[in-house]
Protein backbone atom coordinates (compact mmCIF):
# COMPACT_ATOMS: atom_id res chain seq x y z
CA MET A 1 72.42 -86.93 293.28
CA THR A 2 72.51 -83.36 294.27
CA ASN A 3 71.32 -81.62 297.07
CA ASP A 4 69.69 -78.83 294.79
CA PRO A 5 66.08 -78.52 295.35
CA ARG A 6 65.39 -77.80 292.03
CA PHE A 7 67.18 -80.78 291.02
CA GLN A 8 65.32 -82.93 293.42
CA ARG A 9 61.62 -81.48 292.47
CA THR A 10 62.17 -82.41 289.03
CA GLU A 11 63.17 -86.02 289.66
CA GLN A 12 60.10 -86.17 291.87
CA LEU A 13 58.00 -84.40 289.20
CA LEU A 14 59.52 -87.20 286.62
CA GLN A 15 58.68 -90.42 289.03
CA GLN A 16 55.28 -89.04 289.71
CA ALA A 17 54.28 -88.64 286.20
CA PHE A 18 56.14 -92.15 285.19
CA ILE A 19 54.04 -93.86 288.02
CA GLN A 20 50.64 -92.21 287.02
CA LEU A 21 51.39 -93.13 283.32
CA MET A 22 51.87 -96.77 284.23
CA GLY A 23 48.96 -96.74 285.97
CA THR A 24 47.07 -95.82 282.66
CA ASP A 25 49.05 -96.77 279.67
CA GLY A 26 51.68 -99.45 281.06
CA TYR A 27 55.24 -99.04 280.61
CA ASP A 28 55.68 -99.78 276.35
CA LYS A 29 53.14 -97.41 275.63
CA ILE A 30 54.58 -94.31 277.73
CA THR A 31 56.86 -92.24 275.54
CA VAL A 32 59.23 -89.36 276.73
CA MET A 33 56.82 -86.90 275.19
CA GLN A 34 53.91 -88.02 277.64
CA LEU A 35 56.31 -88.05 280.68
CA ILE A 36 57.24 -84.43 279.93
CA ASN A 37 54.01 -83.05 279.18
CA LYS A 38 52.66 -84.62 282.58
CA ALA A 39 55.78 -83.35 284.40
CA GLN A 40 55.74 -79.86 282.72
CA ILE A 41 59.28 -79.82 282.19
CA ASN A 42 61.22 -79.44 278.84
CA ARG A 43 63.03 -82.41 277.01
CA THR A 44 66.28 -81.19 277.51
CA THR A 45 65.58 -81.21 281.48
CA PHE A 46 64.31 -84.96 281.10
CA TYR A 47 67.64 -86.02 279.07
CA ALA A 48 69.70 -83.98 281.99
CA HIS A 49 68.41 -86.46 284.57
CA TYR A 50 67.82 -89.87 282.76
CA GLN A 51 69.27 -91.24 279.20
CA ASP A 52 65.46 -93.08 278.46
CA LYS A 53 62.52 -93.99 280.36
CA ALA A 54 64.23 -97.45 281.14
CA ASP A 55 66.74 -95.11 283.56
CA LEU A 56 63.85 -93.41 285.01
CA LEU A 57 62.33 -96.80 285.98
CA GLN A 58 65.43 -97.90 287.75
CA THR A 59 64.94 -95.17 290.00
CA LEU A 60 61.76 -96.18 291.35
């Protein structure tokens, strides 16, 4: 983890998007595309932070 506020904000956006999608779609139906659209980031940025949605889940 870094102290860069941009890095922290991106992780926060992804975690919030994941939690919201879990409430509506459930884990199995969530896709990386849904996550990046909801968090309004690009796919490359997602993979710079996490390997996959399971990796993101472990940070919660």
